[in-house]
Structure formats: structure tokens, C-alpha cells
Amino acid sequence: MQLVALQNLLDNSSFAILFATMLVFWVHVAFPNLPYLRSLGNAGMAIANLCMATLLAARWIDAGYFPLSNLYESLFFLAWGITTMHIVVSRIGNKSANDMAKRLIGAFTSPLAMGITAFAALALPSGMQVSEPLVPALKSNWLMMHVSVMLLSYAALMTGSILAIAFLIVTRGQDVVLQGSSFGTNLRSVIDTNKTASAETFAAFAVDSMASVLNSGNLPSAQSNLNSNLLTAAASATPTQPLSLRRLTIGETLDNLSYRAIGLGFPLLTIGIIAGGVWANEAWGSYWSWDPKETWSLITWLVFAAYLHTRITKGWQGRKPAILASLGLLVVWTCYLGVNLLGKGLHSYGWFL
């Protein structure tokens, strides 16, 4: 009974801490000069991570098996994985990211983790939150191996996808050229090239206009031609309003971190699918049966395989892979939650139907 009371306290505490942490990160984005807010937000994510780890450990002790047997437990494990990924990505960011990008990491990952804990603690019926005896198919050591690796892969892929969405927001969806994540070249070289091109264009018009001044005996008319040419040069040099250097630098950092998170999640997803196939053969006598969950796992694998392929082999950078990663977030949620809640197949935790 004491463990049950502790679990109820921990799940509500996790939600409250993540909600407060989300507000801290959002305030820090709006008011970047306020001190210690980023450290306070990171501390909130770490405390929430510890609360959820304690919750899962208490359920493990109470039930006697690894707590991944129902939707409630898997949701909290997923939220724990996302907060863990936030800590990992923030540590990477401390070496390479600028201050604004560091603030945006928490501003996007904390609402994701908070929403998951809110759904688990407040929306799920109380009957789905209670630990129950395992069905025979789940009484296997593969429960810890397969399900934990799959959920960790979902956490990493969701983190990478949400950072890709942040990249699209920061760059306003423009097709910017970034090569800082897959090939290691610096964004500033692209900017300097553009600046050089604009300077050369302006210089060409200036030389042409000076020649017209020297060849003309009518100086007022030549001055008029000079002004006209200068205006034409300025208009041709800036046809559209470019993104600021600050936005481009933030976008480069977010793109880099998104790529690294997805690069971590994809091997975990691959290992999880292989382990699931071995477990399925042991439990049901078939490695692959085109169960809805298996089918969507394959779709998820193909989407992120395409993402990594286009970045590594085709050289895609910037907006195109970010759009593909953003689509991957929807695919992951459909694979994890959509199939389960429809109550279809061998992996379902039926609720709606």
C-alpha cells in the first residue's frame, strides 16, 4: 500500500515538475537576459527524470517484473527516455551549441515529456494504471530487452524530430544551405561566399558607372546615370530578405543536434525490431506476421533510414531532411500509440475500441 501511495505521488510530481520546467524554458526564451533560468530548467528535467526512474523502480519492486507491461508504464518509461535524451543533447550542446540553441532544446523537449506524463497520469483510466499479472507471452527475458530498447529508440527519434521542427521554425521554412552536421563544413563559409558575390556585383556596377562618368562630358547627366546604376546594383544584390546570421547559426546547431539524436535512435530501433522478431518466433512461432505494430515499426524504420540515407549519401541538408524528420515524429506516434489505442493486433493495449 505504501508503494502504491508513493507511485501516485511520483507520477503527479513528475507532471507538475515538467509543467513548471516547461514554463521556465519558455520564459528563458522570451527573456534571455534573466540569469540562471537555463540551469533551473535543466535541473527540473533532471529531477523529473529521477522521479520517473523512482516510480518505475517502485512498480518493479511491487509487481516483481520489469515495469513495461501496460500503456501507463510504457508512457512513463518513454517520458523518462525523453528527459534522458534532453540531458544527453544538452551535454552535447554545451560543447558546440550557442546560448539561444541551448534554450530552444528545453523549450521543445519539455512540452513533449510533460504531455506524455499528463496523458499517463491524468487521462488514462485508473484501471489501466494498476500493475497486473503478466500474460504468458510476456513472461520472458525478452520483455526487458525488446520493449526497453524500442522505447529508448522512440525517445531518441522523437527528440531528433522535435529539434527538426524547431529548426524549421527558426529558419522560417526557408531552403538554407547547411553543411555543418554531415560533412563538417562551416556555415559561415556559405555566408562569406554570398557576401563576396554581392560585393563583386556592386563593384562591377561601380566600375561601369565610373567609366560612364569619365567618357561623358556632361557631368550632371553622368551623375544621374551613376545613381541609377547604383540603385540597380543594390536591388539586384538583395532580391529577398535573408535570414540573419544569428538565426542561421541557431539553425545549424539545431540541425546538427537533430541529426545526432536520430543517428542514436535509428540503431536502437534496428536492434529493437530484430529482438522483437526473435521474441515473436519464441512466443508465437513466427519471426514476422505483419501485425499492425510490426508493419508500422517497419514504416518507421524506412522513414528514418531514408532520412539518414539522404543526409549521408545524397548530401541533403537543411529544410528537406528536416521536413522528413518532422514527418517521422507523426509516424513514431502512430507506431507507438495509434496502433495500441485502436485495440488491434497482438501488441494492443485496447482502450478506445
Protein backbone atom coordinates (compact mmCIF):
# COMPACT_ATOMS: atom_id res chain seq x y z
CA MET A 1 0.00 0.00 0.00
CA GLN A 2 2.85 2.38 0.77
CA LEU A 3 4.38 1.71 -2.64
CA VAL A 4 1.04 2.45 -4.33
CA ALA A 5 0.79 5.77 -2.49
CA LEU A 6 4.40 6.54 -3.48
CA GLN A 7 3.63 5.80 -7.12
CA ASN A 8 0.64 8.14 -7.11
CA LEU A 9 2.77 10.86 -5.57
CA LEU A 10 5.61 10.37 -8.05
CA ASP A 11 3.51 10.40 -11.23
CA ASN A 12 1.73 13.63 -10.22
CA SER A 13 5.02 15.15 -9.08
CA SER A 14 6.63 14.30 -12.41
CA PHE A 15 3.85 16.05 -14.29
CA ALA A 16 3.98 19.14 -12.01
CA ILE A 17 7.78 19.42 -12.24
CA LEU A 18 7.77 19.07 -16.03
CA PHE A 19 5.00 21.64 -16.35
CA ALA A 20 6.97 24.13 -14.24
CA THR A 21 10.15 23.28 -16.17
CA MET A 22 8.40 23.94 -19.48
CA LEU A 23 7.34 27.40 -18.23
CA VAL A 24 10.91 28.13 -17.09
CA PHE A 25 12.32 27.29 -20.53
CA TRP A 26 9.66 29.35 -22.29
CA VAL A 27 10.31 32.35 -20.05
CA HIS A 28 14.04 31.96 -20.70
CA VAL A 29 13.43 32.06 -24.46
CA ALA A 30 11.31 35.21 -24.10
CA PHE A 31 13.67 36.88 -21.63
CA PRO A 32 17.17 35.56 -22.37
CA ASN A 33 18.91 38.03 -20.07
CA LEU A 34 17.36 36.58 -16.91
CA PRO A 35 20.14 34.64 -15.14
CA TYR A 36 20.10 31.01 -14.02
CA LEU A 37 16.87 30.10 -15.86
CA ARG A 38 18.52 27.57 -18.16
CA SER A 39 20.26 25.91 -15.21
CA LEU A 40 16.96 25.88 -13.34
CA GLY A 41 15.21 24.29 -16.31
CA ASN A 42 17.89 21.63 -16.73
CA ALA A 43 17.66 20.89 -13.00
CA GLY A 44 13.90 20.47 -13.37
CA MET A 45 14.38 17.97 -16.18
CA ALA A 46 16.89 16.04 -14.08
CA ILE A 47 14.55 15.98 -11.05
CA ALA A 48 11.65 14.80 -13.21
CA ASN A 49 13.91 12.12 -14.68
CA LEU A 50 14.76 10.94 -11.16
CA CYS A 51 11.08 10.94 -10.10
CA MET A 52 10.08 8.79 -13.06
CA ALA A 53 13.01 6.42 -12.51
CA THR A 54 11.93 6.04 -8.88
CA LEU A 55 8.33 5.45 -9.98
CA LEU A 56 9.37 2.68 -12.35
CA ALA A 57 11.65 1.13 -9.74
CA ALA A 58 8.80 1.14 -7.18
CA ARG A 59 6.48 -0.59 -9.63
CA TRP A 60 9.23 -3.12 -10.41
CA ILE A 61 9.56 -3.94 -6.71
CA ASP A 62 5.80 -4.02 -6.21
CA ALA A 63 4.94 -6.21 -9.22
CA GLY A 64 8.09 -8.31 -9.34
CA TYR A 65 8.78 -7.80 -13.07
CA PHE A 66 10.22 -5.09 -15.28
CA PRO A 67 7.54 -2.35 -15.47
CA LEU A 68 6.75 -2.31 -19.19
CA SER A 69 3.63 -4.46 -19.28
CA ASN A 70 0.93 -1.84 -19.91
CA LEU A 71 0.42 1.55 -21.52
CA TYR A 72 0.81 3.52 -18.29
CA GLU A 73 4.23 2.08 -17.56
CA SER A 74 5.45 2.41 -21.13
CA LEU A 75 4.36 6.07 -21.24
CA PHE A 76 6.38 6.90 -18.15
CA PHE A 77 9.35 4.94 -19.48
CA LEU A 78 9.09 6.92 -22.73
CA ALA A 79 8.91 10.23 -20.83
CA TRP A 80 11.93 9.12 -18.78
CA GLY A 81 13.77 8.37 -22.03
CA ILE A 82 12.95 11.82 -23.45
CA THR A 83 14.23 13.59 -20.34
CA THR A 84 17.35 11.43 -20.54
CA MET A 85 17.81 12.43 -24.19
CA HIS A 86 17.38 16.07 -23.19
CA ILE A 87 20.24 15.70 -20.71
CA VAL A 88 22.41 13.95 -23.33
CA VAL A 89 21.67 16.53 -26.07
CA SER A 90 22.25 19.40 -23.64
CA ARG A 91 25.63 17.94 -22.78
CA ILE A 92 26.47 17.79 -26.48
CA GLY A 93 25.19 21.33 -26.83
CA ASN A 94 27.46 22.61 -24.08
CA LYS A 95 30.40 21.96 -26.40
CA SER A 96 29.03 23.10 -29.74
CA ALA A 97 25.74 24.98 -29.36
CA ASN A 98 25.25 28.69 -28.91
CA ASP A 99 23.24 30.01 -25.97
CA MET A 100 19.99 30.53 -27.89
CA ALA A 101 20.02 26.99 -29.28
CA LYS A 102 20.58 25.61 -25.77
CA ARG A 103 17.46 27.45 -24.59
CA LEU A 104 15.42 26.11 -27.50
CA ILE A 105 16.34 22.49 -26.73
CA GLY A 106 14.46 22.59 -23.43
CA ALA A 107 11.66 24.74 -24.84
CA PHE A 108 10.78 21.92 -27.25
CA THR A 109 11.66 18.75 -25.32
CA SER A 110 9.98 19.71 -22.02
CA PRO A 111 6.45 20.10 -23.53
CA LEU A 112 6.84 16.70 -25.18
CA ALA A 113 7.77 14.97 -21.91
CA MET A 114 5.15 16.94 -19.97
CA GLY A 115 2.38 16.00 -22.41
CA ILE A 116 3.24 12.31 -22.13
CA THR A 117 3.19 12.35 -18.32
CA ALA A 118 -0.06 14.34 -18.32
CA PHE A 119 -1.68 11.76 -20.59
CA ALA A 120 -0.47 8.88 -18.43
CA ALA A 121 -1.27 10.37 -15.03
CA LEU A 122 -4.45 12.32 -15.80
CA ALA A 123 -6.11 10.86 -18.90
CA LEU A 124 -5.69 7.10 -18.60
CA PRO A 125 -8.42 5.30 -16.61
CA SER A 126 -7.34 4.17 -13.16
CA GLY A 127 -7.81 0.54 -14.20
CA MET A 128 -5.05 0.92 -16.80
CA GLN A 129 -2.64 2.34 -14.21
CA VAL A 130 -2.67 -0.73 -11.96
CA SER A 131 0.01 -3.40 -12.23
CA GLU A 132 -1.48 -6.74 -13.26
CA PRO A 133 0.00 -10.25 -13.63
CA LEU A 134 1.81 -10.80 -16.90
CA VAL A 135 0.15 -12.77 -19.65
CA PRO A 136 2.11 -15.94 -20.61
CA ALA A 137 3.59 -14.40 -23.77
CA LEU A 138 5.20 -11.59 -21.73
CA LYS A 139 6.83 -13.87 -19.18
CA SER A 140 10.20 -13.74 -20.89
CA ASN A 141 13.54 -12.01 -20.52
CA TRP A 142 12.88 -10.53 -23.95
CA LEU A 143 10.38 -8.15 -22.30
CA MET A 144 13.21 -6.06 -20.90
CA MET A 145 15.40 -6.41 -23.99
CA HIS A 146 12.87 -5.71 -26.73
CA VAL A 147 10.47 -3.21 -25.18
CA SER A 148 13.05 -1.09 -23.37
CA VAL A 149 15.23 -0.75 -26.49
CA MET A 150 12.21 0.12 -28.64
CA LEU A 151 11.04 2.81 -26.21
CA LEU A 152 14.53 4.28 -25.93
CA SER A 153 14.69 4.41 -29.73
CA TYR A 154 11.31 6.19 -29.80
CA ALA A 155 12.60 8.71 -27.24
CA ALA A 156 15.71 9.45 -29.29
CA LEU A 157 13.81 9.65 -32.59
CA MET A 158 11.14 11.92 -31.08
CA THR A 159 13.82 14.20 -29.66
CA GLY A 160 15.56 14.42 -33.03
CA SER A 161 12.27 15.05 -34.82
CA ILE A 162 11.15 17.77 -32.42
CA LEU A 163 14.51 19.52 -32.87
CA ALA A 164 14.00 19.30 -36.64
CA ILE A 165 10.67 21.09 -36.17
CA ALA A 166 12.49 23.71 -34.09
CA PHE A 167 14.94 24.11 -37.00
CA LEU A 168 12.09 24.73 -39.45
CA ILE A 169 10.59 27.34 -37.12
CA VAL A 170 13.89 29.15 -36.59
CA THR A 171 14.72 29.22 -40.31
CA ARG A 172 11.10 30.08 -41.23
CA GLY A 173 10.99 27.08 -43.54
CA GLN A 174 13.46 28.68 -45.98
CA ASP A 175 15.72 26.48 -48.06
CA VAL A 176 19.01 27.41 -46.40
CA VAL A 177 22.29 25.66 -47.16
CA LEU A 178 23.75 23.89 -44.13
CA GLN A 179 26.69 21.51 -44.16
CA GLY A 180 27.70 21.50 -40.53
CA SER A 181 26.37 18.12 -39.48
CA SER A 182 27.06 15.52 -42.14
CA PHE A 183 30.18 16.88 -43.80
CA GLY A 184 31.71 19.12 -41.14
CA THR A 185 31.97 22.28 -43.26
CA ASN A 186 31.16 25.59 -41.65
CA LEU A 187 28.01 27.54 -42.32
CA ARG A 188 29.93 30.82 -42.27
CA SER A 189 31.81 29.86 -45.44
CA VAL A 190 28.49 29.86 -47.27
CA ILE A 191 27.62 33.28 -45.85
CA ASP A 192 31.05 34.71 -46.72
CA THR A 193 30.66 33.42 -50.28
CA ASN A 194 27.34 35.22 -50.62
CA LYS A 195 28.85 38.39 -49.21
CA THR A 196 31.75 38.16 -51.67
CA ALA A 197 29.36 37.64 -54.57
CA SER A 198 27.31 40.67 -53.57
CA ALA A 199 30.47 42.78 -53.20
CA GLU A 200 31.69 41.71 -56.63
CA THR A 201 28.33 42.56 -58.19
CA PHE A 202 28.38 46.01 -56.59
CA ALA A 203 32.00 46.60 -57.67
CA ALA A 204 31.19 45.69 -61.26
CA PHE A 205 28.38 48.23 -61.41
CA ALA A 206 30.58 50.84 -59.73
CA VAL A 207 33.36 50.39 -62.30
CA ASP A 208 30.88 50.54 -65.15
CA SER A 209 29.34 53.71 -63.75
CA MET A 210 32.75 55.35 -63.24
CA ALA A 211 33.61 54.60 -66.85
CA SER A 212 30.45 56.37 -67.98
CA VAL A 213 31.46 59.38 -65.89
CA LEU A 214 34.93 59.58 -67.47
CA ASN A 215 33.63 59.10 -71.02
CA SER A 216 30.89 61.69 -70.71
CA GLY A 217 31.40 65.40 -70.94
CA ASN A 218 28.07 66.10 -69.20
CA LEU A 219 28.80 65.54 -65.51
CA PRO A 220 25.22 66.08 -64.20
CA SER A 221 23.94 63.52 -66.68
CA ALA A 222 26.73 61.15 -65.72
CA GLN A 223 25.91 61.63 -62.05
CA SER A 224 22.30 60.72 -62.80
CA ASN A 225 23.45 57.58 -64.62
CA LEU A 226 25.69 56.72 -61.67
CA ASN A 227 22.83 56.99 -59.20
CA SER A 228 20.60 54.89 -61.44
CA ASN A 229 23.24 52.16 -61.78
CA LEU A 230 23.91 52.12 -58.05
CA LEU A 231 20.21 51.68 -57.29
CA THR A 232 20.01 48.87 -59.86
CA ALA A 233 23.03 47.16 -58.29
CA ALA A 234 21.55 47.39 -54.80
CA ALA A 235 18.22 45.98 -55.99
CA SER A 236 19.85 43.07 -57.82
CA ALA A 237 22.17 42.28 -54.89
CA THR A 238 19.32 41.88 -52.35
CA PRO A 239 16.32 40.31 -54.13
CA THR A 240 14.95 38.76 -50.90
CA GLN A 241 15.33 39.37 -47.20
CA PRO A 242 17.91 36.81 -45.99
CA LEU A 243 17.94 35.19 -42.58
CA SER A 244 20.15 36.84 -40.01
CA LEU A 245 23.49 35.29 -39.09
CA ARG A 246 22.10 34.60 -35.61
CA ARG A 247 19.15 32.59 -36.95
CA LEU A 248 21.40 30.67 -39.34
CA THR A 249 23.82 29.80 -36.54
CA ILE A 250 20.97 28.59 -34.31
CA GLY A 251 19.55 26.61 -37.22
CA GLU A 252 22.90 24.96 -37.88
CA THR A 253 23.15 23.90 -34.22
CA LEU A 254 19.59 22.52 -34.09
CA ASP A 255 20.11 20.65 -37.37
CA ASN A 256 23.32 19.14 -36.01
CA LEU A 257 21.74 18.03 -32.72
CA SER A 258 18.68 16.63 -34.51
CA TYR A 259 20.92 14.60 -36.79
CA ARG A 260 22.88 13.19 -33.84
CA ALA A 261 19.74 12.25 -31.88
CA ILE A 262 18.24 10.45 -34.87
CA GLY A 263 21.62 8.82 -35.52
CA LEU A 264 21.42 7.40 -31.99
CA GLY A 265 17.78 6.35 -32.19
CA PHE A 266 17.98 4.52 -35.51
CA PRO A 267 20.43 1.77 -34.41
CA LEU A 268 18.35 1.27 -31.25
CA LEU A 269 15.23 0.91 -33.40
CA THR A 270 17.00 -1.64 -35.59
CA ILE A 271 18.14 -3.68 -32.57
CA GLY A 272 14.66 -3.49 -31.05
CA ILE A 273 12.97 -4.77 -34.22
CA ILE A 274 15.42 -7.67 -34.51
CA ALA A 275 14.93 -8.57 -30.83
CA GLY A 276 11.16 -8.39 -31.34
CA GLY A 277 11.38 -10.80 -34.25
CA VAL A 278 13.34 -13.31 -32.19
CA TRP A 279 10.86 -12.98 -29.31
CA ALA A 280 7.90 -13.35 -31.68
CA ASN A 281 9.33 -16.58 -33.04
CA GLU A 282 9.79 -17.86 -29.49
CA ALA A 283 6.28 -16.83 -28.37
CA TRP A 284 4.15 -17.27 -31.50
CA GLY A 285 6.26 -19.44 -33.81
CA SER A 286 6.87 -16.77 -36.48
CA TYR A 287 9.51 -14.08 -36.85
CA TRP A 288 7.19 -11.72 -38.73
CA SER A 289 3.41 -11.85 -39.06
CA TRP A 290 2.56 -8.37 -40.45
CA ASP A 291 0.83 -7.44 -37.23
CA PRO A 292 -0.14 -3.69 -37.32
CA LYS A 293 2.57 -2.90 -34.79
CA GLU A 294 5.18 -4.75 -36.81
CA THR A 295 4.07 -3.05 -40.01
CA TRP A 296 4.29 0.43 -38.51
CA SER A 297 7.65 -0.39 -36.96
CA LEU A 298 8.89 -1.22 -40.44
CA ILE A 299 7.41 2.05 -41.81
CA THR A 300 9.15 3.97 -39.01
CA TRP A 301 12.43 2.23 -39.81
CA LEU A 302 12.09 3.06 -43.53
CA VAL A 303 11.31 6.75 -42.87
CA PHE A 304 14.37 7.30 -40.70
CA ALA A 305 16.52 5.10 -42.94
CA ALA A 306 15.53 7.42 -45.80
CA TYR A 307 16.43 10.43 -43.62
CA LEU A 308 19.92 9.11 -42.87
CA HIS A 309 20.42 7.94 -46.45
CA THR A 310 19.57 11.34 -47.92
CA ARG A 311 21.90 13.10 -45.49
CA ILE A 312 24.88 10.75 -45.71
CA THR A 313 24.69 9.55 -49.33
CA LYS A 314 22.70 12.19 -51.20
CA GLY A 315 24.05 15.16 -49.26
CA TRP A 316 20.68 16.65 -48.32
CA GLN A 317 20.99 19.44 -45.76
CA GLY A 318 18.66 21.92 -44.12
CA ARG A 319 14.95 22.07 -44.94
CA LYS A 320 14.39 18.82 -46.89
CA PRO A 321 15.70 16.38 -44.27
CA ALA A 322 14.08 18.45 -41.51
CA ILE A 323 10.68 18.02 -43.19
CA LEU A 324 11.31 14.28 -43.45
CA ALA A 325 12.29 14.10 -39.77
CA SER A 326 9.17 16.08 -38.83
CA LEU A 327 7.07 13.55 -40.71
CA GLY A 328 8.91 10.87 -38.75
CA LEU A 329 7.51 12.27 -35.49
CA LEU A 330 3.98 11.55 -36.69
CA VAL A 331 5.00 8.08 -37.86
CA VAL A 332 6.60 7.25 -34.49
CA TRP A 333 3.49 8.35 -32.59
CA THR A 334 1.28 6.29 -34.90
CA CYS A 335 3.51 3.25 -34.40
CA TYR A 336 3.71 3.62 -30.63
CA LEU A 337 0.31 4.95 -29.59
CA GLY A 338 -2.08 4.91 -32.53
CA VAL A 339 -1.92 1.17 -33.16
CA ASN A 340 -2.19 0.38 -29.44
CA LEU A 341 -5.21 2.55 -28.74
CA LEU A 342 -7.14 1.11 -31.67
CA GLY A 343 -7.02 -2.24 -29.91
CA LYS A 344 -5.87 -4.14 -32.98
CA GLY A 345 -3.24 -6.86 -33.19
CA LEU A 346 -1.03 -8.72 -30.76
CA HIS A 347 0.60 -5.58 -29.32
CA SER A 348 -2.55 -3.64 -28.41
CA TYR A 349 -3.47 -2.13 -25.08
CA GLY A 350 -7.10 -1.63 -26.11
CA TRP A 351 -8.85 1.45 -24.80
CA PHE A 352 -10.95 3.19 -27.44
CA LEU A 353 -12.33 0.03 -29.06
